[in-house]
């Protein structure tokens, strides 16, 4: 029986961002699944945007937990950005055979290590009380922090498919120190499965210097790979297949774990 792989997308996005990796892993013999967080499965509308208000990362964790509940054994979880946080939360519940974090977002207790990360935080502050609304950063911000390794035409194509996100979710990610629920706090000791972290060298939102702090917290079970020349959206960049192959080889090695 094929190992199940669940691909978990990031903020403002949907399963379409994981399609390249899903096709690649399927060709390698994995049974792939790409669930969406609630209201992220279709092109955004004003109606779905309204429903996103005040949703929490905890809600998204529940969404993906429900998606994996029917498997006979825990699947491999591959999470991009916010999806990396979700993958870790599920792994701490014993719901993962292994996890792959593709530029996984910061966890509770991990401070910024670069001026670019701090500048991104200031951008959110300038948006006002965004945690009470929904938010999609403007094109210039996304082009710089998320799509910087894509050409101009592809940047616009991807941006046009993105949608608003729960402001509370973005608050929980970037301003975890003010979140009384400690939503992104990870019980690292409870994550006993193998962990692979892939960090784009040119990712300005979650740079390798910050990602390594997360890797250190996971300890010796962690394989860390700095992807030279890659940015935040590893799955959509021109050389995405190289990263997919790296992940597939590691995932294959976990079959007997």
C-alpha atoms as a PDB file:
ATOM      1  CA  UNK A   1       0.000   0.000   0.000  1.00  0.00           C
ATOM      2  CA  UNK A   2       1.245   3.478  -0.886  1.00  0.00           C
ATOM      3  CA  UNK A   3       2.217   5.816   1.916  1.00  0.00           C
ATOM      4  CA  UNK A   4      -0.277   8.644   2.282  1.00  0.00           C
ATOM      5  CA  UNK A   5       1.049  12.194   1.959  1.00  0.00           C
ATOM      6  CA  UNK A   6      -1.035  15.181   3.010  1.00  0.00           C
ATOM      7  CA  UNK A   7       0.032  18.522   1.541  1.00  0.00           C
ATOM      8  CA  UNK A   8      -0.935  21.530   3.667  1.00  0.00           C
ATOM      9  CA  UNK A   9      -0.991  24.989   2.090  1.00  0.00           C
ATOM     10  CA  UNK A  10      -0.129  28.378   3.513  1.00  0.00           C
ATOM     11  CA  UNK A  11      -2.004  31.619   4.195  1.00  0.00           C
ATOM     12  CA  UNK A  12      -4.008  33.486   1.562  1.00  0.00           C
ATOM     13  CA  UNK A  13      -3.779  30.418  -0.667  1.00  0.00           C
ATOM     14  CA  UNK A  14      -5.259  26.991  -1.329  1.00  0.00           C
ATOM     15  CA  UNK A  15      -4.355  23.463  -2.434  1.00  0.00           C
ATOM     16  CA  UNK A  16      -3.433  24.785  -5.894  1.00  0.00           C
ATOM     17  CA  UNK A  17      -0.112  26.013  -4.510  1.00  0.00           C
ATOM     18  CA  UNK A  18       0.821  22.411  -3.671  1.00  0.00           C
ATOM     19  CA  UNK A  19      -0.189  20.889  -7.034  1.00  0.00           C
ATOM     20  CA  UNK A  20       3.335  20.591  -8.476  1.00  0.00           C
ATOM     21  CA  UNK A  21       4.546  18.649  -5.464  1.00  0.00           C
ATOM     22  CA  UNK A  22       1.386  16.530  -5.324  1.00  0.00           C
ATOM     23  CA  UNK A  23       1.857  15.449  -8.955  1.00  0.00           C
ATOM     24  CA  UNK A  24       5.558  14.763  -8.393  1.00  0.00           C
ATOM     25  CA  UNK A  25       4.982  12.668  -5.265  1.00  0.00           C
ATOM     26  CA  UNK A  26       2.138  10.772  -6.916  1.00  0.00           C
ATOM     27  CA  UNK A  27       4.479   9.807  -9.750  1.00  0.00           C
ATOM     28  CA  UNK A  28       6.871   8.488  -7.089  1.00  0.00           C
ATOM     29  CA  UNK A  29       4.198   6.142  -5.730  1.00  0.00           C
ATOM     30  CA  UNK A  30       2.796   8.187  -2.850  1.00  0.00           C
ATOM     31  CA  UNK A  31      -0.954   8.585  -2.359  1.00  0.00           C
ATOM     32  CA  UNK A  32      -1.368  12.355  -2.180  1.00  0.00           C
ATOM     33  CA  UNK A  33      -4.121  14.425  -0.598  1.00  0.00           C
ATOM     34  CA  UNK A  34      -4.431  18.222  -0.656  1.00  0.00           C
ATOM     35  CA  UNK A  35      -7.123  19.360   1.796  1.00  0.00           C
ATOM     36  CA  UNK A  36      -8.067  23.012   2.170  1.00  0.00           C
ATOM     37  CA  UNK A  37      -8.675  25.037   5.295  1.00  0.00           C
ATOM     38  CA  UNK A  38     -12.298  26.087   5.573  1.00  0.00           C
ATOM     39  CA  UNK A  39     -13.290  28.635   2.891  1.00  0.00           C
ATOM     40  CA  UNK A  40      -9.974  28.179   1.040  1.00  0.00           C
ATOM     41  CA  UNK A  41     -11.077  25.534  -1.444  1.00  0.00           C
ATOM     42  CA  UNK A  42     -12.560  27.869  -4.076  1.00  0.00           C
ATOM     43  CA  UNK A  43     -11.677  31.258  -5.588  1.00  0.00           C
ATOM     44  CA  UNK A  44     -12.269  33.944  -2.938  1.00  0.00           C
ATOM     45  CA  UNK A  45     -15.481  35.931  -2.822  1.00  0.00           C
ATOM     46  CA  UNK A  46     -16.820  38.659  -0.568  1.00  0.00           C
ATOM     47  CA  UNK A  47     -19.025  36.049   1.089  1.00  0.00           C
ATOM     48  CA  UNK A  48     -16.168  33.686   1.943  1.00  0.00           C
ATOM     49  CA  UNK A  49     -13.989  36.610   3.062  1.00  0.00           C
ATOM     50  CA  UNK A  50     -16.647  37.548   5.601  1.00  0.00           C
ATOM     51  CA  UNK A  51     -16.651  33.993   6.938  1.00  0.00           C
ATOM     52  CA  UNK A  52     -12.876  34.133   7.507  1.00  0.00           C
ATOM     53  CA  UNK A  53     -13.137  36.910  10.079  1.00  0.00           C
ATOM     54  CA  UNK A  54     -11.925  35.763  13.508  1.00  0.00           C
ATOM     55  CA  UNK A  55     -10.948  32.260  12.393  1.00  0.00           C
ATOM     56  CA  UNK A  56      -7.905  30.924  14.229  1.00  0.00           C
ATOM     57  CA  UNK A  57      -5.005  28.700  13.278  1.00  0.00           C
ATOM     58  CA  UNK A  58      -6.560  26.308  15.797  1.00  0.00           C
ATOM     59  CA  UNK A  59      -9.546  26.028  13.439  1.00  0.00           C
ATOM     60  CA  UNK A  60      -7.247  25.159  10.553  1.00  0.00           C
ATOM     61  CA  UNK A  61      -5.487  22.536  12.660  1.00  0.00           C
ATOM     62  CA  UNK A  62      -8.894  20.976  13.318  1.00  0.00           C
ATOM     63  CA  UNK A  63      -9.675  21.073   9.583  1.00  0.00           C
ATOM     64  CA  UNK A  64      -6.568  19.106   8.652  1.00  0.00           C
ATOM     65  CA  UNK A  65      -6.935  16.769  11.644  1.00  0.00           C
ATOM     66  CA  UNK A  66     -10.380  15.871  10.319  1.00  0.00           C
ATOM     67  CA  UNK A  67      -8.908  15.273   6.869  1.00  0.00           C
ATOM     68  CA  UNK A  68      -6.395  12.709   8.179  1.00  0.00           C
ATOM     69  CA  UNK A  69      -8.762  11.037  10.631  1.00  0.00           C
ATOM     70  CA  UNK A  70      -9.803   8.318   8.208  1.00  0.00           C
ATOM     71  CA  UNK A  71      -6.338   6.959   7.475  1.00  0.00           C
ATOM     72  CA  UNK A  72      -5.419   3.563   8.900  1.00  0.00           C
ATOM     73  CA  UNK A  73      -2.048   4.916   9.981  1.00  0.00           C
ATOM     74  CA  UNK A  74      -0.587   8.413  10.315  1.00  0.00           C
ATOM     75  CA  UNK A  75       0.408  10.004   6.981  1.00  0.00           C
ATOM     76  CA  UNK A  76       3.438  12.064   6.046  1.00  0.00           C
ATOM     77  CA  UNK A  77       2.544  15.751   6.354  1.00  0.00           C
ATOM     78  CA  UNK A  78       4.101  18.291   3.992  1.00  0.00           C
ATOM     79  CA  UNK A  79       3.346  21.838   5.090  1.00  0.00           C
ATOM     80  CA  UNK A  80       4.214  25.128   3.420  1.00  0.00           C
ATOM     81  CA  UNK A  81       4.526  28.297   5.510  1.00  0.00           C
ATOM     82  CA  UNK A  82       1.490  28.269   7.851  1.00  0.00           C
ATOM     83  CA  UNK A  83       1.051  24.633   6.807  1.00  0.00           C
ATOM     84  CA  UNK A  84       4.324  23.915   8.574  1.00  0.00           C
ATOM     85  CA  UNK A  85       2.887  25.123  11.868  1.00  0.00           C
ATOM     86  CA  UNK A  86      -0.227  23.008  11.291  1.00  0.00           C
ATOM     87  CA  UNK A  87       1.926  19.964  10.509  1.00  0.00           C
ATOM     88  CA  UNK A  88       3.873  20.385  13.748  1.00  0.00           C
ATOM     89  CA  UNK A  89       0.708  20.775  15.815  1.00  0.00           C
ATOM     90  CA  UNK A  90      -0.679  17.554  14.331  1.00  0.00           C
ATOM     91  CA  UNK A  91       2.626  15.731  14.799  1.00  0.00           C
ATOM     92  CA  UNK A  92       2.534  16.665  18.481  1.00  0.00           C
ATOM     93  CA  UNK A  93      -0.834  14.853  18.623  1.00  0.00           C
ATOM     94  CA  UNK A  94       0.713  11.729  17.117  1.00  0.00           C
ATOM     95  CA  UNK A  95      -1.052  12.241  13.780  1.00  0.00           C
ATOM     96  CA  UNK A  96       2.034  12.179  11.532  1.00  0.00           C
ATOM     97  CA  UNK A  97       4.473   9.504  10.432  1.00  0.00           C
ATOM     98  CA  UNK A  98       6.902  12.235   9.417  1.00  0.00           C
ATOM     99  CA  UNK A  99       6.662  15.933   8.618  1.00  0.00           C
ATOM    100  CA  UNK A 100       8.254  18.107   5.949  1.00  0.00           C
ATOM    101  CA  UNK A 101       8.280  21.857   6.589  1.00  0.00           C
ATOM    102  CA  UNK A 102       8.677  23.969   3.453  1.00  0.00           C
ATOM    103  CA  UNK A 103       9.647  27.390   4.774  1.00  0.00           C
ATOM    104  CA  UNK A 104       7.438  26.667   7.783  1.00  0.00           C
ATOM    105  CA  UNK A 105       6.185  29.797   9.552  1.00  0.00           C
ATOM    106  CA  UNK A 106       7.625  30.786  12.892  1.00  0.00           C
ATOM    107  CA  UNK A 107       6.396  29.074  16.031  1.00  0.00           C
ATOM    108  CA  UNK A 108       5.552  30.656  19.372  1.00  0.00           C
ATOM    109  CA  UNK A 109       8.748  31.801  21.092  1.00  0.00           C
ATOM    110  CA  UNK A 110      10.876  32.211  17.940  1.00  0.00           C
ATOM    111  CA  UNK A 111      11.941  35.829  17.461  1.00  0.00           C
ATOM    112  CA  UNK A 112      12.892  37.453  14.136  1.00  0.00           C
ATOM    113  CA  UNK A 113      16.564  37.298  13.228  1.00  0.00           C
ATOM    114  CA  UNK A 114      16.654  39.733  10.291  1.00  0.00           C
ATOM    115  CA  UNK A 115      15.699  43.297   9.448  1.00  0.00           C
ATOM    116  CA  UNK A 116      13.480  42.003   6.628  1.00  0.00           C
ATOM    117  CA  UNK A 117      11.347  40.003   9.091  1.00  0.00           C
ATOM    118  CA  UNK A 118      10.995  43.042  11.314  1.00  0.00           C
ATOM    119  CA  UNK A 119      10.028  45.170   8.303  1.00  0.00           C
ATOM    120  CA  UNK A 120       7.304  42.650   7.447  1.00  0.00           C
ATOM    121  CA  UNK A 121       5.970  42.934  10.981  1.00  0.00           C
ATOM    122  CA  UNK A 122       5.853  46.722  10.658  1.00  0.00           C
ATOM    123  CA  UNK A 123       3.869  46.335   7.436  1.00  0.00           C
ATOM    124  CA  UNK A 124       1.191  44.418   9.333  1.00  0.00           C
ATOM    125  CA  UNK A 125       1.140  47.061  12.072  1.00  0.00           C
ATOM    126  CA  UNK A 126       0.486  49.745   9.440  1.00  0.00           C
ATOM    127  CA  UNK A 127      -2.658  47.854   8.373  1.00  0.00           C
ATOM    128  CA  UNK A 128      -4.465  48.896  11.558  1.00  0.00           C
ATOM    129  CA  UNK A 129      -6.536  46.428  13.587  1.00  0.00           C
ATOM    130  CA  UNK A 130      -6.125  43.740  10.938  1.00  0.00           C
ATOM    131  CA  UNK A 131      -6.776  40.956  13.468  1.00  0.00           C
ATOM    132  CA  UNK A 132     -10.429  41.988  13.502  1.00  0.00           C
ATOM    133  CA  UNK A 133     -10.743  41.769   9.720  1.00  0.00           C
ATOM    134  CA  UNK A 134      -9.238  39.883   6.775  1.00  0.00           C
ATOM    135  CA  UNK A 135      -6.037  40.830   5.036  1.00  0.00           C
ATOM    136  CA  UNK A 136      -4.218  40.251   1.767  1.00  0.00           C
ATOM    137  CA  UNK A 137      -0.874  42.094   1.597  1.00  0.00           C
ATOM    138  CA  UNK A 138      -0.533  44.265  -1.508  1.00  0.00           C
ATOM    139  CA  UNK A 139       1.254  43.072  -4.629  1.00  0.00           C
ATOM    140  CA  UNK A 140       4.512  44.872  -3.857  1.00  0.00           C
ATOM    141  CA  UNK A 141       4.742  43.230  -0.428  1.00  0.00           C
ATOM    142  CA  UNK A 142       3.961  39.772  -1.794  1.00  0.00           C
ATOM    143  CA  UNK A 143       6.402  40.205  -4.679  1.00  0.00           C
ATOM    144  CA  UNK A 144       9.179  41.082  -2.248  1.00  0.00           C
ATOM    145  CA  UNK A 145       8.539  38.626   0.565  1.00  0.00           C
ATOM    146  CA  UNK A 146       6.816  35.689  -1.113  1.00  0.00           C
ATOM    147  CA  UNK A 147       7.250  35.719  -4.877  1.00  0.00           C
ATOM    148  CA  UNK A 148      10.748  37.183  -5.250  1.00  0.00           C
ATOM    149  CA  UNK A 149      12.119  34.194  -7.184  1.00  0.00           C
ATOM    150  CA  UNK A 150       9.394  34.311  -9.857  1.00  0.00           C
ATOM    151  CA  UNK A 151       9.506  36.484 -12.957  1.00  0.00           C
ATOM    152  CA  UNK A 152       7.176  39.487 -13.126  1.00  0.00           C
ATOM    153  CA  UNK A 153       4.470  37.769 -15.189  1.00  0.00           C
ATOM    154  CA  UNK A 154       4.381  34.751 -12.879  1.00  0.00           C
ATOM    155  CA  UNK A 155       4.302  36.997  -9.816  1.00  0.00           C
ATOM    156  CA  UNK A 156       1.121  38.614 -11.117  1.00  0.00           C
ATOM    157  CA  UNK A 157      -0.404  35.258 -12.094  1.00  0.00           C
ATOM    158  CA  UNK A 158       0.129  33.824  -8.610  1.00  0.00           C
ATOM    159  CA  UNK A 159      -0.913  37.002  -6.820  1.00  0.00           C
ATOM    160  CA  UNK A 160      -4.163  37.116  -8.771  1.00  0.00           C
ATOM    161  CA  UNK A 161      -5.074  33.682  -7.365  1.00  0.00           C
ATOM    162  CA  UNK A 162      -4.394  34.614  -3.747  1.00  0.00           C
ATOM    163  CA  UNK A 163      -7.206  35.738  -1.483  1.00  0.00           C
ATOM    164  CA  UNK A 164      -7.817  37.426   1.846  1.00  0.00           C
ATOM    165  CA  UNK A 165      -6.850  35.633   5.021  1.00  0.00           C
ATOM    166  CA  UNK A 166      -8.195  35.771   8.532  1.00  0.00           C
ATOM    167  CA  UNK A 167      -6.444  38.663  10.207  1.00  0.00           C
ATOM    168  CA  UNK A 168      -6.493  36.720  13.458  1.00  0.00           C
ATOM    169  CA  UNK A 169      -4.490  33.925  11.791  1.00  0.00           C
ATOM    170  CA  UNK A 170      -1.858  36.416  10.630  1.00  0.00           C
ATOM    171  CA  UNK A 171      -1.803  37.994  14.095  1.00  0.00           C
ATOM    172  CA  UNK A 172      -1.236  34.598  15.718  1.00  0.00           C
ATOM    173  CA  UNK A 173       1.674  33.967  13.351  1.00  0.00           C
ATOM    174  CA  UNK A 174       3.512  37.269  13.429  1.00  0.00           C
ATOM    175  CA  UNK A 175       2.556  38.619  16.846  1.00  0.00           C
ATOM    176  CA  UNK A 176       2.527  35.406  18.855  1.00  0.00           C
ATOM    177  CA  UNK A 177       3.882  37.247  21.906  1.00  0.00           C
ATOM    178  CA  UNK A 178       0.517  39.020  22.243  1.00  0.00           C
ATOM    179  CA  UNK A 179      -1.624  35.915  21.690  1.00  0.00           C
ATOM    180  CA  UNK A 180      -3.049  34.829  25.061  1.00  0.00           C
ATOM    181  CA  UNK A 181      -3.927  31.417  23.628  1.00  0.00           C
ATOM    182  CA  UNK A 182      -0.339  30.721  22.536  1.00  0.00           C
ATOM    183  CA  UNK A 183      -1.872  29.222  19.394  1.00  0.00           C
ATOM    184  CA  UNK A 184       1.388  28.487  17.581  1.00  0.00           C
ATOM    185  CA  UNK A 185       3.176  27.041  20.598  1.00  0.00           C
ATOM    186  CA  UNK A 186       4.621  23.622  19.747  1.00  0.00           C
ATOM    187  CA  UNK A 187       5.164  20.811  22.228  1.00  0.00           C
ATOM    188  CA  UNK A 188       8.492  19.829  20.690  1.00  0.00           C
ATOM    189  CA  UNK A 189       8.990  16.861  23.017  1.00  0.00           C
ATOM    190  CA  UNK A 190       5.725  15.379  21.735  1.00  0.00           C
ATOM    191  CA  UNK A 191       6.925  15.523  18.110  1.00  0.00           C
ATOM    192  CA  UNK A 192       8.681  12.165  18.020  1.00  0.00           C
ATOM    193  CA  UNK A 193       8.463  11.544  14.272  1.00  0.00           C
ATOM    194  CA  UNK A 194      11.237  12.508  11.827  1.00  0.00           C
ATOM    195  CA  UNK A 195      11.249  16.152  10.740  1.00  0.00           C
ATOM    196  CA  UNK A 196      12.646  17.603   7.525  1.00  0.00           C
ATOM    197  CA  UNK A 197      12.973  21.363   7.157  1.00  0.00           C
ATOM    198  CA  UNK A 198      13.632  23.010   3.797  1.00  0.00           C
ATOM    199  CA  UNK A 199      14.517  26.693   4.036  1.00  0.00           C
ATOM    200  CA  UNK A 200      14.976  28.908   0.986  1.00  0.00           C
ATOM    201  CA  UNK A 201      18.200  30.892   1.208  1.00  0.00           C
ATOM    202  CA  UNK A 202      16.425  33.915  -0.314  1.00  0.00           C
ATOM    203  CA  UNK A 203      13.219  33.668   1.724  1.00  0.00           C
ATOM    204  CA  UNK A 204      12.837  37.093   3.330  1.00  0.00           C
ATOM    205  CA  UNK A 205       9.722  36.173   5.316  1.00  0.00           C
ATOM    206  CA  UNK A 206      11.188  33.131   7.107  1.00  0.00           C
ATOM    207  CA  UNK A 207      14.945  33.159   6.486  1.00  0.00           C
ATOM    208  CA  UNK A 208      17.235  30.211   7.229  1.00  0.00           C
ATOM    209  CA  UNK A 209      18.657  31.967  10.292  1.00  0.00           C
ATOM    210  CA  UNK A 210      15.188  31.898  11.852  1.00  0.00           C
ATOM    211  CA  UNK A 211      14.235  28.462  10.526  1.00  0.00           C
ATOM    212  CA  UNK A 212      17.338  26.990  12.160  1.00  0.00           C
ATOM    213  CA  UNK A 213      16.050  28.128  15.556  1.00  0.00           C
ATOM    214  CA  UNK A 214      13.009  25.931  14.998  1.00  0.00           C
ATOM    215  CA  UNK A 215      15.210  23.040  13.865  1.00  0.00           C
ATOM    216  CA  UNK A 216      17.232  23.326  17.054  1.00  0.00           C
ATOM    217  CA  UNK A 217      14.081  23.003  19.139  1.00  0.00           C
ATOM    218  CA  UNK A 218      13.146  19.777  17.361  1.00  0.00           C
ATOM    219  CA  UNK A 219      16.546  18.267  18.091  1.00  0.00           C
ATOM    220  CA  UNK A 220      18.320  15.272  16.513  1.00  0.00           C
ATOM    221  CA  UNK A 221      15.220  13.985  14.678  1.00  0.00           C
ATOM    222  CA  UNK A 222      15.511  16.943  12.313  1.00  0.00           C
ATOM    223  CA  UNK A 223      17.090  17.107   8.863  1.00  0.00           C
ATOM    224  CA  UNK A 224      17.730  20.705   7.799  1.00  0.00           C
ATOM    225  CA  UNK A 225      18.328  21.723   4.195  1.00  0.00           C
ATOM    226  CA  UNK A 226      19.038  25.266   3.064  1.00  0.00           C
ATOM    227  CA  UNK A 227      17.797  25.523  -0.516  1.00  0.00           C
ATOM    228  CA  UNK A 228      20.270  27.809  -2.269  1.00  0.00           C
ATOM    229  CA  UNK A 229      18.661  30.319  -4.604  1.00  0.00           C
ATOM    230  CA  UNK A 230      15.106  29.594  -3.485  1.00  0.00           C
ATOM    231  CA  UNK A 231      12.586  31.930  -1.897  1.00  0.00           C
ATOM    232  CA  UNK A 232       9.345  31.419  -0.002  1.00  0.00           C
ATOM    233  CA  UNK A 233       7.136  29.737  -2.611  1.00  0.00           C
ATOM    234  CA  UNK A 234       9.430  26.767  -3.219  1.00  0.00           C
ATOM    235  CA  UNK A 235       6.637  24.795  -4.896  1.00  0.00           C
ATOM    236  CA  UNK A 236       6.056  27.369  -7.647  1.00  0.00           C
ATOM    237  CA  UNK A 237       9.586  28.502  -8.427  1.00  0.00           C
ATOM    238  CA  UNK A 238      11.363  27.459 -11.652  1.00  0.00           C
ATOM    239  CA  UNK A 239      13.514  24.809  -9.944  1.00  0.00           C
ATOM    240  CA  UNK A 240      10.704  23.401  -7.783  1.00  0.00           C
ATOM    241  CA  UNK A 241      11.281  19.842  -9.071  1.00  0.00           C
ATOM    242  CA  UNK A 242      14.732  19.770  -7.476  1.00  0.00           C
ATOM    243  CA  UNK A 243      13.201  20.491  -4.078  1.00  0.00           C
ATOM    244  CA  UNK A 244      10.400  17.997  -4.676  1.00  0.00           C
ATOM    245  CA  UNK A 245      12.948  15.298  -5.509  1.00  0.00           C
ATOM    246  CA  UNK A 246      14.911  16.083  -2.342  1.00  0.00           C
ATOM    247  CA  UNK A 247      11.739  15.743  -0.260  1.00  0.00           C
ATOM    248  CA  UNK A 248      10.611  12.581  -2.049  1.00  0.00           C
ATOM    249  CA  UNK A 249      13.962  10.879  -1.400  1.00  0.00           C
ATOM    250  CA  UNK A 250      13.755  11.762   2.283  1.00  0.00           C
ATOM    251  CA  UNK A 251      10.137  10.643   2.498  1.00  0.00           C
ATOM    252  CA  UNK A 252      11.017   7.329   0.876  1.00  0.00           C
ATOM    253  CA  UNK A 253      13.728   6.836   3.473  1.00  0.00           C
ATOM    254  CA  UNK A 254      11.076   7.115   6.210  1.00  0.00           C
ATOM    255  CA  UNK A 255       9.074   4.114   4.947  1.00  0.00           C
ATOM    256  CA  UNK A 256      10.646   1.774   7.476  1.00  0.00           C
ATOM    257  CA  UNK A 257      10.549   4.233  10.360  1.00  0.00           C
END
